[in-house]
Amino acid sequence: MTPDPVSAPPDDEADARERLLAAAQDAFAERGFEGATVRDICRTAGANIAAVNYYFGDKEKLYVECVKRAHVCAARMDSFPIPADAPPVEKLRVFIREMVTRMHTPASASAMKLMMREMADPGKAAHVVVSEFIQPVAFALRAILRELLPHLDEQNLLMTGFSVIGQCLFYRQNRPVSELIFGKEAVAALDATAVADHVIRFSLAALGHADPIGESSAGAATTRKSKAKK
């Protein structure tokens, strides 16, 4: 049931909007859009029943804001520190480092659950997050890879981009399971710097722009000379 709009603030506290978002995020993560009620959200947030209308307009707009809030790495592409005149290899390094850093931003269990729920069954909120945040980043990566690999066709270019993003995303989406398998201490050691360095080296090696993983520069040079002779 949608509460009637009000013309005055339903709550005098400055953090009322943030409390509503926090309560709604938990509710939507656990019960979905249909299952969560405005009344319960407002009760949990300690806000007037009309607060949702006042701060967000309606329940659907509140849901969209919650999904955007849950997407903690949702910074716009123009905030990526990628120099336009840098070589493509350097652009890819900067891109991966920035993505991994954002993927390592702490997120609550409810935030992850809400994002996974929405992306598994995309609705209006997913379309907003994709159009505002994810798509510009994906297009930027595709442009970098096209510059780095001009001979590649579109299909393989897309799959290469998916492989790069998949590596970055793995450490975020699969952290709880990784901790169950290998232990929290082992996974905790995989900080943003270590992961970024690995993904950069792994990706560049796969694309032919770095030495193979685990092989020294001298060893790689010998291998390349040996292959050339054959």
C-alpha atoms as a PDB file:
ATOM      1  CA  MET A   1       0.000   0.000   0.000  1.00  0.00           C
ATOM      2  CA  THR A   2       1.439   3.380  -0.997  1.00  0.00           C
ATOM      3  CA  PRO A   3       1.194   6.094   1.663  1.00  0.00           C
ATOM      4  CA  ASP A   4      -0.273   9.492   0.824  1.00  0.00           C
ATOM      5  CA  PRO A   5       2.291  12.149  -0.163  1.00  0.00           C
ATOM      6  CA  VAL A   6       3.032  14.889   2.343  1.00  0.00           C
ATOM      7  CA  SER A   7       4.056  18.489   1.870  1.00  0.00           C
ATOM      8  CA  ALA A   8       6.342  18.699   4.902  1.00  0.00           C
ATOM      9  CA  PRO A   9       9.298  16.570   6.038  1.00  0.00           C
ATOM     10  CA  PRO A  10       8.013  13.468   7.849  1.00  0.00           C
ATOM     11  CA  ASP A  11      11.141  13.259   9.995  1.00  0.00           C
ATOM     12  CA  ASP A  12      13.311  16.095  11.345  1.00  0.00           C
ATOM     13  CA  GLU A  13      16.469  14.023  11.690  1.00  0.00           C
ATOM     14  CA  ALA A  14      19.159  14.688   9.086  1.00  0.00           C
ATOM     15  CA  ASP A  15      19.927  10.984   8.642  1.00  0.00           C
ATOM     16  CA  ALA A  16      16.305   9.916   8.049  1.00  0.00           C
ATOM     17  CA  ARG A  17      16.908   9.285   4.348  1.00  0.00           C
ATOM     18  CA  GLU A  18      19.977   7.155   5.026  1.00  0.00           C
ATOM     19  CA  ARG A  19      18.154   5.140   7.694  1.00  0.00           C
ATOM     20  CA  LEU A  20      15.341   4.479   5.255  1.00  0.00           C
ATOM     21  CA  LEU A  21      17.816   3.278   2.620  1.00  0.00           C
ATOM     22  CA  ALA A  22      19.553   0.977   5.104  1.00  0.00           C
ATOM     23  CA  ALA A  23      16.279  -0.513   6.322  1.00  0.00           C
ATOM     24  CA  ALA A  24      14.899  -0.870   2.801  1.00  0.00           C
ATOM     25  CA  GLN A  25      18.092  -2.528   1.547  1.00  0.00           C
ATOM     26  CA  ASP A  26      17.804  -5.240   4.203  1.00  0.00           C
ATOM     27  CA  ALA A  27      14.090  -5.703   3.551  1.00  0.00           C
ATOM     28  CA  PHE A  28      14.400  -5.893  -0.233  1.00  0.00           C
ATOM     29  CA  ALA A  29      17.382  -8.241   0.019  1.00  0.00           C
ATOM     30  CA  GLU A  30      15.463 -10.658   2.236  1.00  0.00           C
ATOM     31  CA  ARG A  31      11.950 -10.422   0.812  1.00  0.00           C
ATOM     32  CA  GLY A  32      12.274  -8.887  -2.642  1.00  0.00           C
ATOM     33  CA  PHE A  33      10.383  -5.880  -3.981  1.00  0.00           C
ATOM     34  CA  GLU A  34       6.930  -7.395  -3.612  1.00  0.00           C
ATOM     35  CA  GLY A  35       7.515  -8.968  -0.206  1.00  0.00           C
ATOM     36  CA  ALA A  36       8.951  -5.893   1.511  1.00  0.00           C
ATOM     37  CA  THR A  37       6.378  -3.358   2.705  1.00  0.00           C
ATOM     38  CA  VAL A  38       6.729   0.392   3.102  1.00  0.00           C
ATOM     39  CA  ARG A  39       5.172   0.154   6.563  1.00  0.00           C
ATOM     40  CA  ASP A  40       7.790  -2.349   7.790  1.00  0.00           C
ATOM     41  CA  ILE A  41      10.651  -0.376   6.242  1.00  0.00           C
ATOM     42  CA  CYS A  42       9.530   2.835   7.930  1.00  0.00           C
ATOM     43  CA  ARG A  43       9.044   1.037  11.259  1.00  0.00           C
ATOM     44  CA  THR A  44      12.580  -0.396  11.107  1.00  0.00           C
ATOM     45  CA  ALA A  45      14.022   2.998  10.148  1.00  0.00           C
ATOM     46  CA  GLY A  46      12.092   4.724  12.926  1.00  0.00           C
ATOM     47  CA  ALA A  47      10.464   7.021  10.371  1.00  0.00           C
ATOM     48  CA  ASN A  48       6.977   8.304   9.668  1.00  0.00           C
ATOM     49  CA  ILE A  49       4.924   6.144   7.268  1.00  0.00           C
ATOM     50  CA  ALA A  50       4.953   9.064   4.798  1.00  0.00           C
ATOM     51  CA  ALA A  51       8.769   9.258   4.784  1.00  0.00           C
ATOM     52  CA  VAL A  52       9.201   7.092   1.678  1.00  0.00           C
ATOM     53  CA  ASN A  53       6.970   9.377  -0.393  1.00  0.00           C
ATOM     54  CA  TYR A  54       8.673  12.490   0.916  1.00  0.00           C
ATOM     55  CA  TYR A  55      12.283  11.379   0.349  1.00  0.00           C
ATOM     56  CA  PHE A  56      11.927   9.109  -2.677  1.00  0.00           C
ATOM     57  CA  GLY A  57       8.557   9.592  -4.349  1.00  0.00           C
ATOM     58  CA  ASP A  58       7.317   6.012  -4.055  1.00  0.00           C
ATOM     59  CA  LYS A  59       8.336   2.463  -3.208  1.00  0.00           C
ATOM     60  CA  GLU A  60       9.748   1.698  -6.673  1.00  0.00           C
ATOM     61  CA  LYS A  61      12.028   4.749  -6.615  1.00  0.00           C
ATOM     62  CA  LEU A  62      13.189   3.711  -3.145  1.00  0.00           C
ATOM     63  CA  TYR A  63      14.004   0.261  -4.515  1.00  0.00           C
ATOM     64  CA  VAL A  64      16.014   1.740  -7.400  1.00  0.00           C
ATOM     65  CA  GLU A  65      18.010   3.875  -4.963  1.00  0.00           C
ATOM     66  CA  CYS A  66      18.675   0.831  -2.786  1.00  0.00           C
ATOM     67  CA  VAL A  67      20.069  -1.166  -5.712  1.00  0.00           C
ATOM     68  CA  LYS A  68      22.273   1.775  -6.712  1.00  0.00           C
ATOM     69  CA  ARG A  69      23.432   2.076  -3.095  1.00  0.00           C
ATOM     70  CA  ALA A  70      24.187  -1.655  -2.962  1.00  0.00           C
ATOM     71  CA  HIS A  71      26.314  -1.321  -6.071  1.00  0.00           C
ATOM     72  CA  VAL A  72      29.207   0.030  -4.015  1.00  0.00           C
ATOM     73  CA  CYS A  73      31.647   0.112  -6.944  1.00  0.00           C
ATOM     74  CA  ALA A  74      29.182   2.234  -8.920  1.00  0.00           C
ATOM     75  CA  ALA A  75      31.301   5.239  -9.742  1.00  0.00           C
ATOM     76  CA  ARG A  76      30.905   6.854 -13.110  1.00  0.00           C
ATOM     77  CA  MET A  77      33.358   6.130 -15.890  1.00  0.00           C
ATOM     78  CA  ASP A  78      34.591   9.730 -15.920  1.00  0.00           C
ATOM     79  CA  SER A  79      36.089   9.099 -12.462  1.00  0.00           C
ATOM     80  CA  PHE A  80      38.423   6.407 -13.814  1.00  0.00           C
ATOM     81  CA  PRO A  81      41.959   7.934 -13.848  1.00  0.00           C
ATOM     82  CA  ILE A  82      42.840   6.701 -17.355  1.00  0.00           C
ATOM     83  CA  PRO A  83      45.036   9.141 -19.346  1.00  0.00           C
ATOM     84  CA  ALA A  84      43.601   9.549 -22.855  1.00  0.00           C
ATOM     85  CA  ASP A  85      47.058   9.707 -24.440  1.00  0.00           C
ATOM     86  CA  ALA A  86      48.519   6.695 -22.590  1.00  0.00           C
ATOM     87  CA  PRO A  87      49.545   3.535 -24.499  1.00  0.00           C
ATOM     88  CA  PRO A  88      46.766   0.890 -24.564  1.00  0.00           C
ATOM     89  CA  VAL A  89      48.735  -1.473 -22.295  1.00  0.00           C
ATOM     90  CA  GLU A  90      48.992   1.249 -19.663  1.00  0.00           C
ATOM     91  CA  LYS A  91      45.284   2.071 -20.052  1.00  0.00           C
ATOM     92  CA  LEU A  92      44.431  -1.588 -19.385  1.00  0.00           C
ATOM     93  CA  ARG A  93      46.684  -1.627 -16.302  1.00  0.00           C
ATOM     94  CA  VAL A  94      44.967   1.445 -14.879  1.00  0.00           C
ATOM     95  CA  PHE A  95      41.513   0.071 -15.731  1.00  0.00           C
ATOM     96  CA  ILE A  96      42.135  -3.280 -14.004  1.00  0.00           C
ATOM     97  CA  ARG A  97      43.701  -1.670 -10.933  1.00  0.00           C
ATOM     98  CA  GLU A  98      40.735   0.676 -10.570  1.00  0.00           C
ATOM     99  CA  MET A  99      38.184  -2.126 -11.037  1.00  0.00           C
ATOM    100  CA  VAL A 100      39.871  -4.410  -8.520  1.00  0.00           C
ATOM    101  CA  THR A 101      40.094  -1.588  -5.974  1.00  0.00           C
ATOM    102  CA  ARG A 102      36.369  -0.943  -6.321  1.00  0.00           C
ATOM    103  CA  MET A 103      35.537  -4.630  -6.169  1.00  0.00           C
ATOM    104  CA  HIS A 104      37.423  -4.804  -2.860  1.00  0.00           C
ATOM    105  CA  THR A 105      35.296  -2.055  -1.316  1.00  0.00           C
ATOM    106  CA  PRO A 106      33.601  -3.661   1.719  1.00  0.00           C
ATOM    107  CA  ALA A 107      29.931  -4.492   1.168  1.00  0.00           C
ATOM    108  CA  SER A 108      27.327  -5.818   3.565  1.00  0.00           C
ATOM    109  CA  ALA A 109      25.731  -9.213   3.068  1.00  0.00           C
ATOM    110  CA  SER A 110      22.382  -7.560   2.311  1.00  0.00           C
ATOM    111  CA  ALA A 111      23.966  -5.317  -0.342  1.00  0.00           C
ATOM    112  CA  MET A 112      25.482  -8.313  -2.120  1.00  0.00           C
ATOM    113  CA  LYS A 113      22.251 -10.289  -1.818  1.00  0.00           C
ATOM    114  CA  LEU A 114      20.180  -7.411  -3.223  1.00  0.00           C
ATOM    115  CA  MET A 115      22.518  -6.901  -6.173  1.00  0.00           C
ATOM    116  CA  MET A 116      22.595 -10.603  -6.988  1.00  0.00           C
ATOM    117  CA  ARG A 117      18.804 -10.823  -6.705  1.00  0.00           C
ATOM    118  CA  GLU A 118      18.270  -7.883  -9.060  1.00  0.00           C
ATOM    119  CA  MET A 119      20.878  -8.949 -11.625  1.00  0.00           C
ATOM    120  CA  ALA A 120      19.496 -12.509 -11.683  1.00  0.00           C
ATOM    121  CA  ASP A 121      16.070 -11.159 -12.616  1.00  0.00           C
ATOM    122  CA  PRO A 122      16.713  -7.662 -14.051  1.00  0.00           C
ATOM    123  CA  GLY A 123      14.037  -5.058 -13.519  1.00  0.00           C
ATOM    124  CA  LYS A 124      13.964  -1.284 -13.684  1.00  0.00           C
ATOM    125  CA  ALA A 125      16.656  -0.925 -11.015  1.00  0.00           C
ATOM    126  CA  ALA A 126      19.076  -3.164 -12.908  1.00  0.00           C
ATOM    127  CA  HIS A 127      18.509  -1.163 -16.079  1.00  0.00           C
ATOM    128  CA  VAL A 128      19.299   2.064 -14.219  1.00  0.00           C
ATOM    129  CA  VAL A 129      22.508   0.660 -12.712  1.00  0.00           C
ATOM    130  CA  VAL A 130      23.578  -0.800 -16.064  1.00  0.00           C
ATOM    131  CA  SER A 131      22.912   2.370 -18.058  1.00  0.00           C
ATOM    132  CA  GLU A 132      24.447   4.744 -15.505  1.00  0.00           C
ATOM    133  CA  PHE A 133      27.430   2.747 -14.296  1.00  0.00           C
ATOM    134  CA  ILE A 134      28.119  -0.665 -15.816  1.00  0.00           C
ATOM    135  CA  GLN A 135      27.620   0.023 -19.526  1.00  0.00           C
ATOM    136  CA  PRO A 136      29.966   3.045 -19.721  1.00  0.00           C
ATOM    137  CA  VAL A 137      32.674   1.028 -17.951  1.00  0.00           C
ATOM    138  CA  ALA A 138      32.138  -1.953 -20.272  1.00  0.00           C
ATOM    139  CA  PHE A 139      32.316   0.261 -23.363  1.00  0.00           C
ATOM    140  CA  ALA A 140      35.519   1.864 -22.060  1.00  0.00           C
ATOM    141  CA  LEU A 141      37.150  -1.550 -21.601  1.00  0.00           C
ATOM    142  CA  ARG A 142      36.050  -2.602 -25.082  1.00  0.00           C
ATOM    143  CA  ALA A 143      37.648   0.541 -26.535  1.00  0.00           C
ATOM    144  CA  ILE A 144      40.922  -0.166 -24.712  1.00  0.00           C
ATOM    145  CA  LEU A 145      40.980  -3.767 -25.942  1.00  0.00           C
ATOM    146  CA  ARG A 146      40.148  -2.698 -29.486  1.00  0.00           C
ATOM    147  CA  GLU A 147      43.132  -0.337 -29.376  1.00  0.00           C
ATOM    148  CA  LEU A 148      45.340  -3.053 -27.901  1.00  0.00           C
ATOM    149  CA  LEU A 149      44.113  -5.833 -30.216  1.00  0.00           C
ATOM    150  CA  PRO A 150      43.090  -4.161 -33.506  1.00  0.00           C
ATOM    151  CA  HIS A 151      43.050  -7.507 -35.366  1.00  0.00           C
ATOM    152  CA  LEU A 152      40.410  -9.072 -33.101  1.00  0.00           C
ATOM    153  CA  ASP A 153      36.830  -9.505 -34.328  1.00  0.00           C
ATOM    154  CA  GLU A 154      33.911  -8.215 -32.243  1.00  0.00           C
ATOM    155  CA  GLN A 155      32.938 -11.605 -30.801  1.00  0.00           C
ATOM    156  CA  ASN A 156      36.410 -12.370 -29.492  1.00  0.00           C
ATOM    157  CA  LEU A 157      36.816  -8.786 -28.313  1.00  0.00           C
ATOM    158  CA  LEU A 158      33.699  -9.152 -26.158  1.00  0.00           C
ATOM    159  CA  MET A 159      34.836 -12.497 -24.735  1.00  0.00           C
ATOM    160  CA  THR A 160      38.247 -11.025 -23.935  1.00  0.00           C
ATOM    161  CA  GLY A 161      36.540  -8.194 -22.071  1.00  0.00           C
ATOM    162  CA  PHE A 162      34.366 -10.684 -20.181  1.00  0.00           C
ATOM    163  CA  SER A 163      37.508 -12.597 -19.186  1.00  0.00           C
ATOM    164  CA  VAL A 164      39.137  -9.457 -17.769  1.00  0.00           C
ATOM    165  CA  ILE A 165      36.032  -8.365 -15.847  1.00  0.00           C
ATOM    166  CA  GLY A 166      35.373 -11.941 -14.699  1.00  0.00           C
ATOM    167  CA  GLN A 167      38.737 -12.058 -12.953  1.00  0.00           C
ATOM    168  CA  CYS A 168      38.058  -8.812 -11.106  1.00  0.00           C
ATOM    169  CA  LEU A 169      34.522  -9.810 -10.185  1.00  0.00           C
ATOM    170  CA  PHE A 170      35.462 -13.282  -8.952  1.00  0.00           C
ATOM    171  CA  TYR A 171      37.194 -11.949  -5.845  1.00  0.00           C
ATOM    172  CA  ARG A 172      34.047 -10.075  -4.854  1.00  0.00           C
ATOM    173  CA  GLN A 173      31.224 -12.484  -5.641  1.00  0.00           C
ATOM    174  CA  ASN A 174      32.986 -15.640  -4.498  1.00  0.00           C
ATOM    175  CA  ARG A 175      34.807 -14.430  -1.406  1.00  0.00           C
ATOM    176  CA  PRO A 176      32.520 -16.195   1.131  1.00  0.00           C
ATOM    177  CA  VAL A 177      32.862 -19.546  -0.667  1.00  0.00           C
ATOM    178  CA  SER A 178      36.620 -19.036  -1.133  1.00  0.00           C
ATOM    179  CA  GLU A 179      36.947 -18.501   2.617  1.00  0.00           C
ATOM    180  CA  LEU A 180      35.074 -21.750   3.280  1.00  0.00           C
ATOM    181  CA  ILE A 181      37.428 -23.617   0.951  1.00  0.00           C
ATOM    182  CA  PHE A 182      40.804 -22.102   1.832  1.00  0.00           C
ATOM    183  CA  GLY A 183      40.174 -20.318   5.140  1.00  0.00           C
ATOM    184  CA  LYS A 184      39.645 -16.651   5.966  1.00  0.00           C
ATOM    185  CA  GLU A 185      43.322 -15.921   6.624  1.00  0.00           C
ATOM    186  CA  ALA A 186      44.428 -17.181   3.213  1.00  0.00           C
ATOM    187  CA  VAL A 187      41.772 -15.183   1.390  1.00  0.00           C
ATOM    188  CA  ALA A 188      42.347 -12.074   3.528  1.00  0.00           C
ATOM    189  CA  ALA A 189      45.920 -11.976   2.253  1.00  0.00           C
ATOM    190  CA  LEU A 190      44.585 -11.418  -1.261  1.00  0.00           C
ATOM    191  CA  ASP A 191      44.251  -7.663  -0.905  1.00  0.00           C
ATOM    192  CA  ALA A 192      43.441  -5.238  -3.716  1.00  0.00           C
ATOM    193  CA  THR A 193      47.092  -4.635  -4.619  1.00  0.00           C
ATOM    194  CA  ALA A 194      47.976  -8.335  -4.826  1.00  0.00           C
ATOM    195  CA  VAL A 195      44.868  -9.183  -6.835  1.00  0.00           C
ATOM    196  CA  ALA A 196      45.293  -6.244  -9.210  1.00  0.00           C
ATOM    197  CA  ASP A 197      48.940  -7.125  -9.867  1.00  0.00           C
ATOM    198  CA  HIS A 198      47.981 -10.723 -10.609  1.00  0.00           C
ATOM    199  CA  VAL A 199      45.036  -9.895 -12.889  1.00  0.00           C
ATOM    200  CA  ILE A 200      47.155  -7.372 -14.801  1.00  0.00           C
ATOM    201  CA  ARG A 201      50.016  -9.824 -15.289  1.00  0.00           C
ATOM    202  CA  PHE A 202      47.690 -12.726 -16.114  1.00  0.00           C
ATOM    203  CA  SER A 203      45.673 -10.709 -18.642  1.00  0.00           C
ATOM    204  CA  LEU A 204      48.651  -9.125 -20.371  1.00  0.00           C
ATOM    205  CA  ALA A 205      50.399 -12.507 -20.576  1.00  0.00           C
ATOM    206  CA  ALA A 206      47.297 -14.062 -22.147  1.00  0.00           C
ATOM    207  CA  LEU A 207      47.133 -11.211 -24.660  1.00  0.00           C
ATOM    208  CA  GLY A 208      50.805 -11.553 -25.552  1.00  0.00           C
ATOM    209  CA  HIS A 209      51.922  -8.337 -23.880  1.00  0.00           C
ATOM    210  CA  ALA A 210      53.793  -9.814 -20.884  1.00  0.00           C
ATOM    211  CA  ASP A 211      55.880 -12.827 -19.941  1.00  0.00           C
ATOM    212  CA  PRO A 212      53.949 -16.012 -19.090  1.00  0.00           C
ATOM    213  CA  ILE A 213      52.947 -16.389 -15.425  1.00  0.00           C
ATOM    214  CA  GLY A 214      55.737 -17.898 -13.328  1.00  0.00           C
ATOM    215  CA  GLU A 215      58.379 -17.422 -16.006  1.00  0.00           C
ATOM    216  CA  SER A 216      61.258 -14.995 -15.603  1.00  0.00           C
ATOM    217  CA  SER A 217      62.069 -12.471 -18.307  1.00  0.00           C
ATOM    218  CA  ALA A 218      65.225 -14.353 -19.190  1.00  0.00           C
ATOM    219  CA  GLY A 219      63.379 -17.639 -19.317  1.00  0.00           C
ATOM    220  CA  ALA A 220      60.657 -16.147 -21.454  1.00  0.00           C
ATOM    221  CA  ALA A 221      63.183 -14.717 -23.860  1.00  0.00           C
ATOM    222  CA  THR A 222      64.846 -18.126 -24.201  1.00  0.00           C
ATOM    223  CA  THR A 223      61.478 -19.774 -24.799  1.00  0.00           C
ATOM    224  CA  ARG A 224      60.575 -17.255 -27.500  1.00  0.00           C
ATOM    225  CA  LYS A 225      63.953 -17.725 -29.234  1.00  0.00           C
ATOM    226  CA  SER A 226      63.532 -21.511 -29.103  1.00  0.00           C
ATOM    227  CA  LYS A 227      60.067 -21.306 -30.613  1.00  0.00           C
ATOM    228  CA  ALA A 228      61.314 -18.924 -33.301  1.00  0.00           C
ATOM    229  CA  LYS A 229      64.019 -21.389 -34.388  1.00  0.00           C
ATOM    230  CA  LYS A 230      61.422 -24.133 -34.795  1.00  0.00           C
END
